[in-house]
N, C-alpha and C. Protein backbone atom coordinates (compact mmCIF):
# COMPACT_ATOMS: atom_id res chain seq x y z
N MET A 1 -34.60 218.39 9.37
CA MET A 1 -34.02 218.52 8.05
C MET A 1 -35.12 218.64 7.04
N THR A 2 -34.99 219.64 6.19
CA THR A 2 -35.94 219.76 5.05
C THR A 2 -35.18 219.30 3.81
N LEU A 3 -35.91 218.72 2.88
CA LEU A 3 -35.32 218.14 1.69
C LEU A 3 -35.77 218.91 0.45
N GLY A 4 -35.53 220.19 0.49
CA GLY A 4 -36.00 220.97 -0.67
C GLY A 4 -37.46 220.74 -0.84
N SER A 5 -37.89 220.57 -2.08
CA SER A 5 -39.28 220.28 -2.33
C SER A 5 -39.52 218.82 -2.70
N ARG A 6 -38.48 217.98 -2.64
CA ARG A 6 -38.66 216.57 -3.02
C ARG A 6 -38.36 215.63 -1.87
N SER A 7 -39.09 214.54 -1.82
CA SER A 7 -38.75 213.47 -0.83
C SER A 7 -37.65 212.60 -1.37
N ALA A 8 -37.09 211.83 -0.51
CA ALA A 8 -36.01 210.90 -0.92
C ALA A 8 -36.52 209.89 -1.96
N SER A 9 -37.77 209.43 -1.79
CA SER A 9 -38.32 208.52 -2.78
C SER A 9 -38.52 209.18 -4.15
N GLU A 10 -38.90 210.43 -4.17
CA GLU A 10 -39.03 211.14 -5.44
C GLU A 10 -37.66 211.27 -6.10
N VAL A 11 -36.63 211.56 -5.40
CA VAL A 11 -35.27 211.65 -5.95
C VAL A 11 -34.90 210.29 -6.53
N ALA A 12 -35.18 209.21 -5.79
CA ALA A 12 -34.83 207.87 -6.29
C ALA A 12 -35.60 207.54 -7.57
N ARG A 13 -36.84 207.91 -7.65
CA ARG A 13 -37.64 207.69 -8.88
C ARG A 13 -37.09 208.52 -10.03
N HIS A 14 -36.73 209.76 -9.79
CA HIS A 14 -36.14 210.57 -10.86
C HIS A 14 -34.83 210.00 -11.33
N TYR A 15 -34.06 209.44 -10.40
CA TYR A 15 -32.77 208.78 -10.71
C TYR A 15 -33.07 207.60 -11.72
N VAL A 16 -34.02 206.75 -11.39
CA VAL A 16 -34.36 205.62 -12.25
C VAL A 16 -34.75 206.08 -13.62
N ALA A 17 -35.60 207.09 -13.70
CA ALA A 17 -36.05 207.60 -15.01
C ALA A 17 -34.88 208.19 -15.82
N ALA A 18 -33.97 208.90 -15.16
CA ALA A 18 -32.79 209.47 -15.87
C ALA A 18 -31.88 208.39 -16.38
N VAL A 19 -31.64 207.38 -15.58
CA VAL A 19 -30.81 206.26 -16.02
C VAL A 19 -31.49 205.51 -17.20
N ASN A 20 -32.78 205.22 -17.08
CA ASN A 20 -33.48 204.52 -18.17
C ASN A 20 -33.54 205.32 -19.43
N ASN A 21 -33.49 206.64 -19.35
CA ASN A 21 -33.54 207.49 -20.54
C ASN A 21 -32.12 207.93 -20.99
N ALA A 22 -31.10 207.40 -20.32
CA ALA A 22 -29.69 207.74 -20.61
C ALA A 22 -29.52 209.26 -20.66
N ASP A 23 -30.14 209.96 -19.71
CA ASP A 23 -30.15 211.40 -19.67
C ASP A 23 -29.13 211.89 -18.64
N ALA A 24 -27.92 212.14 -19.07
CA ALA A 24 -26.84 212.50 -18.18
C ALA A 24 -27.11 213.83 -17.48
N ASP A 25 -27.63 214.81 -18.23
CA ASP A 25 -27.85 216.14 -17.64
C ASP A 25 -28.87 216.03 -16.49
N THR A 26 -30.00 215.37 -16.71
CA THR A 26 -31.00 215.25 -15.66
C THR A 26 -30.44 214.46 -14.50
N LEU A 27 -29.72 213.37 -14.81
CA LEU A 27 -29.14 212.53 -13.75
C LEU A 27 -28.21 213.39 -12.87
N MET A 28 -27.30 214.11 -13.51
CA MET A 28 -26.29 214.87 -12.75
C MET A 28 -26.93 216.01 -11.95
N ALA A 29 -28.08 216.51 -12.40
CA ALA A 29 -28.76 217.54 -11.60
C ALA A 29 -29.29 217.02 -10.27
N LEU A 30 -29.38 215.68 -10.14
CA LEU A 30 -29.82 215.11 -8.89
C LEU A 30 -28.70 214.99 -7.85
N PHE A 31 -27.44 215.08 -8.34
CA PHE A 31 -26.28 214.92 -7.47
C PHE A 31 -25.74 216.25 -6.98
N ALA A 32 -25.25 216.32 -5.74
CA ALA A 32 -24.51 217.46 -5.26
C ALA A 32 -23.14 217.48 -5.98
N THR A 33 -22.54 218.64 -6.06
CA THR A 33 -21.26 218.77 -6.82
C THR A 33 -20.16 217.94 -6.23
N ASP A 34 -20.21 217.71 -4.92
CA ASP A 34 -19.15 216.91 -4.26
C ASP A 34 -19.63 215.53 -3.90
N ALA A 35 -20.60 214.98 -4.62
CA ALA A 35 -21.18 213.70 -4.32
C ALA A 35 -20.15 212.58 -4.51
N VAL A 36 -20.49 211.45 -3.91
CA VAL A 36 -19.67 210.24 -3.98
C VAL A 36 -20.57 209.07 -4.41
N LEU A 37 -20.12 208.34 -5.41
CA LEU A 37 -20.78 207.12 -5.81
C LEU A 37 -19.91 205.95 -5.44
N VAL A 38 -20.45 205.02 -4.64
CA VAL A 38 -19.75 203.84 -4.26
C VAL A 38 -20.40 202.67 -4.97
N HIS A 39 -19.67 202.04 -5.84
CA HIS A 39 -20.16 200.99 -6.72
C HIS A 39 -19.19 199.78 -6.69
N PRO A 40 -19.67 198.58 -6.95
CA PRO A 40 -18.74 197.45 -6.96
C PRO A 40 -17.52 197.61 -7.90
N THR A 41 -17.61 198.47 -8.90
CA THR A 41 -16.51 198.72 -9.79
C THR A 41 -15.52 199.75 -9.30
N GLY A 42 -15.86 200.50 -8.24
CA GLY A 42 -14.99 201.48 -7.66
C GLY A 42 -15.78 202.61 -7.01
N THR A 43 -15.02 203.57 -6.50
CA THR A 43 -15.56 204.77 -5.86
C THR A 43 -15.29 205.95 -6.77
N TYR A 44 -16.36 206.72 -7.04
CA TYR A 44 -16.27 207.83 -7.99
C TYR A 44 -16.68 209.12 -7.21
N GLU A 45 -15.75 210.08 -7.17
CA GLU A 45 -15.96 211.29 -6.35
C GLU A 45 -16.10 212.49 -7.30
N GLY A 46 -17.16 213.33 -7.06
CA GLY A 46 -17.39 214.55 -7.81
C GLY A 46 -18.16 214.28 -9.09
N ASN A 47 -18.85 215.30 -9.54
CA ASN A 47 -19.73 215.17 -10.68
C ASN A 47 -19.08 214.70 -11.95
N GLU A 48 -17.88 215.17 -12.22
CA GLU A 48 -17.21 214.76 -13.49
C GLU A 48 -16.96 213.28 -13.54
N ARG A 49 -16.43 212.69 -12.45
CA ARG A 49 -16.16 211.27 -12.39
C ARG A 49 -17.50 210.46 -12.38
N ILE A 50 -18.49 210.96 -11.68
CA ILE A 50 -19.76 210.24 -11.66
C ILE A 50 -20.41 210.25 -13.05
N ARG A 51 -20.38 211.36 -13.70
CA ARG A 51 -20.93 211.47 -15.09
C ARG A 51 -20.17 210.49 -15.98
N GLN A 52 -18.86 210.45 -15.88
CA GLN A 52 -18.07 209.58 -16.72
C GLN A 52 -18.43 208.14 -16.46
N PHE A 53 -18.66 207.76 -15.21
CA PHE A 53 -19.08 206.39 -14.89
C PHE A 53 -20.40 206.02 -15.61
N TYR A 54 -21.39 206.89 -15.48
CA TYR A 54 -22.68 206.62 -16.12
C TYR A 54 -22.55 206.61 -17.64
N GLU A 55 -21.88 207.54 -18.24
CA GLU A 55 -21.78 207.58 -19.70
C GLU A 55 -20.98 206.38 -20.24
N GLU A 56 -19.88 206.04 -19.61
CA GLU A 56 -19.02 204.97 -20.14
C GLU A 56 -19.49 203.55 -19.77
N LEU A 57 -20.09 203.40 -18.66
CA LEU A 57 -20.48 202.04 -18.23
C LEU A 57 -21.98 201.78 -18.31
N VAL A 58 -22.76 202.66 -17.70
CA VAL A 58 -24.18 202.39 -17.60
C VAL A 58 -24.93 202.69 -18.89
N PHE A 59 -24.74 203.88 -19.42
CA PHE A 59 -25.42 204.24 -20.68
C PHE A 59 -24.87 203.46 -21.85
N ALA A 60 -23.57 203.26 -21.93
CA ALA A 60 -22.99 202.51 -23.01
C ALA A 60 -23.44 201.07 -22.99
N GLY A 61 -23.73 200.52 -21.81
CA GLY A 61 -24.26 199.14 -21.70
C GLY A 61 -25.77 199.08 -21.87
N CYS A 62 -26.40 200.21 -22.18
CA CYS A 62 -27.87 200.25 -22.36
C CYS A 62 -28.60 199.65 -21.16
N ALA A 63 -28.13 199.99 -19.95
CA ALA A 63 -28.78 199.45 -18.75
C ALA A 63 -30.21 199.96 -18.61
N GLU A 64 -31.05 199.09 -18.13
CA GLU A 64 -32.42 199.46 -17.86
C GLU A 64 -32.78 199.01 -16.44
N LEU A 65 -33.29 199.91 -15.65
CA LEU A 65 -33.60 199.65 -14.28
C LEU A 65 -35.10 199.38 -14.08
N THR A 66 -35.40 198.38 -13.25
CA THR A 66 -36.77 198.08 -12.88
C THR A 66 -36.84 198.17 -11.33
N VAL A 67 -37.79 198.94 -10.85
CA VAL A 67 -37.90 199.14 -9.40
C VAL A 67 -38.61 198.01 -8.71
N GLY A 68 -38.02 197.55 -7.62
CA GLY A 68 -38.67 196.57 -6.73
C GLY A 68 -39.23 197.33 -5.55
N ARG A 69 -38.67 197.07 -4.37
CA ARG A 69 -39.14 197.77 -3.20
C ARG A 69 -38.40 199.09 -2.98
N LEU A 70 -39.05 200.01 -2.38
CA LEU A 70 -38.50 201.35 -2.06
C LEU A 70 -38.81 201.69 -0.62
N LEU A 71 -37.76 201.93 0.13
CA LEU A 71 -37.89 202.38 1.53
C LEU A 71 -37.43 203.80 1.59
N ASP A 72 -38.20 204.66 2.27
CA ASP A 72 -37.94 206.06 2.32
C ASP A 72 -37.90 206.56 3.75
N GLY A 73 -36.87 207.34 4.06
CA GLY A 73 -36.76 207.92 5.38
C GLY A 73 -36.37 209.39 5.22
N GLU A 74 -36.08 210.03 6.33
CA GLU A 74 -35.66 211.45 6.31
C GLU A 74 -34.27 211.55 5.72
N GLY A 75 -34.17 211.94 4.44
CA GLY A 75 -32.90 212.13 3.83
C GLY A 75 -32.17 210.92 3.30
N VAL A 76 -32.94 209.77 3.31
CA VAL A 76 -32.35 208.54 2.81
C VAL A 76 -33.44 207.71 2.12
N ALA A 77 -33.04 207.05 1.06
CA ALA A 77 -33.95 206.09 0.38
C ALA A 77 -33.14 204.84 0.04
N MET A 78 -33.76 203.70 0.18
CA MET A 78 -33.14 202.42 -0.25
C MET A 78 -34.03 201.85 -1.30
N LEU A 79 -33.46 201.55 -2.43
CA LEU A 79 -34.19 201.12 -3.61
C LEU A 79 -33.71 199.78 -4.08
N GLU A 80 -34.57 198.78 -4.13
CA GLU A 80 -34.22 197.46 -4.69
C GLU A 80 -34.49 197.53 -6.17
N LEU A 81 -33.44 197.20 -6.95
CA LEU A 81 -33.54 197.30 -8.40
C LEU A 81 -33.16 196.02 -9.12
N MET A 82 -33.70 195.81 -10.28
CA MET A 82 -33.19 194.84 -11.23
C MET A 82 -32.57 195.65 -12.37
N ALA A 83 -31.33 195.44 -12.61
CA ALA A 83 -30.64 196.13 -13.73
C ALA A 83 -30.35 195.15 -14.80
N SER A 84 -30.84 195.42 -15.99
CA SER A 84 -30.61 194.51 -17.13
C SER A 84 -29.98 195.26 -18.28
N SER A 85 -29.17 194.55 -19.02
CA SER A 85 -28.58 195.13 -20.23
C SER A 85 -28.30 194.02 -21.20
N PRO A 86 -28.31 194.34 -22.53
CA PRO A 86 -28.04 193.31 -23.53
C PRO A 86 -26.56 192.94 -23.51
N LEU A 87 -26.30 191.68 -23.64
CA LEU A 87 -24.93 191.20 -23.68
C LEU A 87 -24.86 190.04 -24.64
N ASP A 88 -24.22 190.29 -25.80
CA ASP A 88 -24.06 189.26 -26.85
C ASP A 88 -25.38 188.61 -27.19
N GLY A 89 -26.44 189.41 -27.36
CA GLY A 89 -27.74 188.89 -27.75
C GLY A 89 -28.58 188.37 -26.61
N HIS A 90 -28.05 188.35 -25.39
CA HIS A 90 -28.78 187.90 -24.22
C HIS A 90 -28.85 189.05 -23.24
N ARG A 91 -29.87 189.03 -22.35
CA ARG A 91 -29.99 190.06 -21.34
C ARG A 91 -29.29 189.63 -20.07
N SER A 92 -28.38 190.45 -19.62
CA SER A 92 -27.72 190.23 -18.39
C SER A 92 -28.51 190.92 -17.28
N ILE A 93 -28.77 190.28 -16.18
CA ILE A 93 -29.61 190.85 -15.10
C ILE A 93 -28.84 190.82 -13.80
N VAL A 94 -28.83 191.94 -13.11
CA VAL A 94 -28.17 192.05 -11.81
C VAL A 94 -29.19 192.65 -10.85
N SER A 95 -29.28 192.05 -9.64
CA SER A 95 -30.14 192.64 -8.59
C SER A 95 -29.25 193.53 -7.71
N THR A 96 -29.76 194.71 -7.41
CA THR A 96 -29.00 195.64 -6.62
C THR A 96 -29.86 196.26 -5.52
N VAL A 97 -29.22 196.80 -4.52
CA VAL A 97 -29.83 197.67 -3.56
C VAL A 97 -29.06 198.98 -3.64
N ASP A 98 -29.70 200.05 -3.94
CA ASP A 98 -29.11 201.40 -4.04
C ASP A 98 -29.54 202.17 -2.80
N VAL A 99 -28.57 202.75 -2.12
CA VAL A 99 -28.85 203.55 -0.93
C VAL A 99 -28.46 205.01 -1.23
N PHE A 100 -29.44 205.88 -1.20
CA PHE A 100 -29.31 207.29 -1.50
C PHE A 100 -29.27 208.10 -0.22
N ASP A 101 -28.24 208.86 -0.02
CA ASP A 101 -28.18 209.81 1.10
C ASP A 101 -28.29 211.22 0.49
N LEU A 102 -29.19 212.02 1.04
CA LEU A 102 -29.46 213.33 0.43
C LEU A 102 -29.07 214.46 1.38
N ASP A 103 -28.69 215.62 0.79
CA ASP A 103 -28.40 216.79 1.61
C ASP A 103 -29.72 217.56 1.82
N ASP A 104 -29.61 218.71 2.48
CA ASP A 104 -30.80 219.50 2.80
C ASP A 104 -31.54 220.03 1.55
N ASP A 105 -30.85 220.08 0.38
CA ASP A 105 -31.44 220.55 -0.83
C ASP A 105 -31.97 219.43 -1.69
N ALA A 106 -32.07 218.22 -1.11
CA ALA A 106 -32.58 216.99 -1.77
C ALA A 106 -31.71 216.57 -2.93
N ARG A 107 -30.44 216.82 -2.78
CA ARG A 107 -29.44 216.34 -3.80
C ARG A 107 -28.70 215.15 -3.24
N ILE A 108 -28.36 214.24 -4.09
CA ILE A 108 -27.66 213.02 -3.65
C ILE A 108 -26.23 213.41 -3.26
N ILE A 109 -25.86 213.13 -2.02
CA ILE A 109 -24.48 213.38 -1.59
C ILE A 109 -23.67 212.10 -1.56
N ARG A 110 -24.38 210.96 -1.44
CA ARG A 110 -23.73 209.69 -1.48
C ARG A 110 -24.70 208.66 -2.01
N LEU A 111 -24.29 207.88 -3.00
CA LEU A 111 -25.06 206.80 -3.51
C LEU A 111 -24.21 205.54 -3.44
N ALA A 112 -24.66 204.57 -2.74
CA ALA A 112 -23.95 203.28 -2.59
C ALA A 112 -24.76 202.24 -3.28
N VAL A 113 -24.14 201.51 -4.19
CA VAL A 113 -24.80 200.45 -4.93
C VAL A 113 -24.24 199.12 -4.53
N TYR A 114 -25.10 198.21 -4.11
CA TYR A 114 -24.69 196.88 -3.64
C TYR A 114 -25.28 195.84 -4.55
N TYR A 115 -24.48 194.92 -5.05
CA TYR A 115 -25.00 193.82 -5.85
C TYR A 115 -25.44 192.71 -4.91
N LEU A 116 -26.57 192.12 -5.23
CA LEU A 116 -27.07 191.01 -4.40
C LEU A 116 -26.73 189.71 -5.03
């Protein structure tokens, strides 16, 4: 399997940068059109629903991701993250593991987010 010109870890790092910059266009360019996002709040299928999730929940909450460990394999990356966002004057922090599955063009076809 070839992954376009990007490794799974590069895609994961671009994902973190796009989330931290609240850049929906760059973020959505990382996803395949029929991608699936599995998150503790629900399952979101297709780019429109995934974009809506990020715009309404992640970007609106001013989430900021900090990278912990990153494991990279052929077409898959697992990223340990600390997600923080302001909440009533305090920072709410959640630890997650995000698992990225990529297609042959190095686009995310499935992203599963697990809260620790």
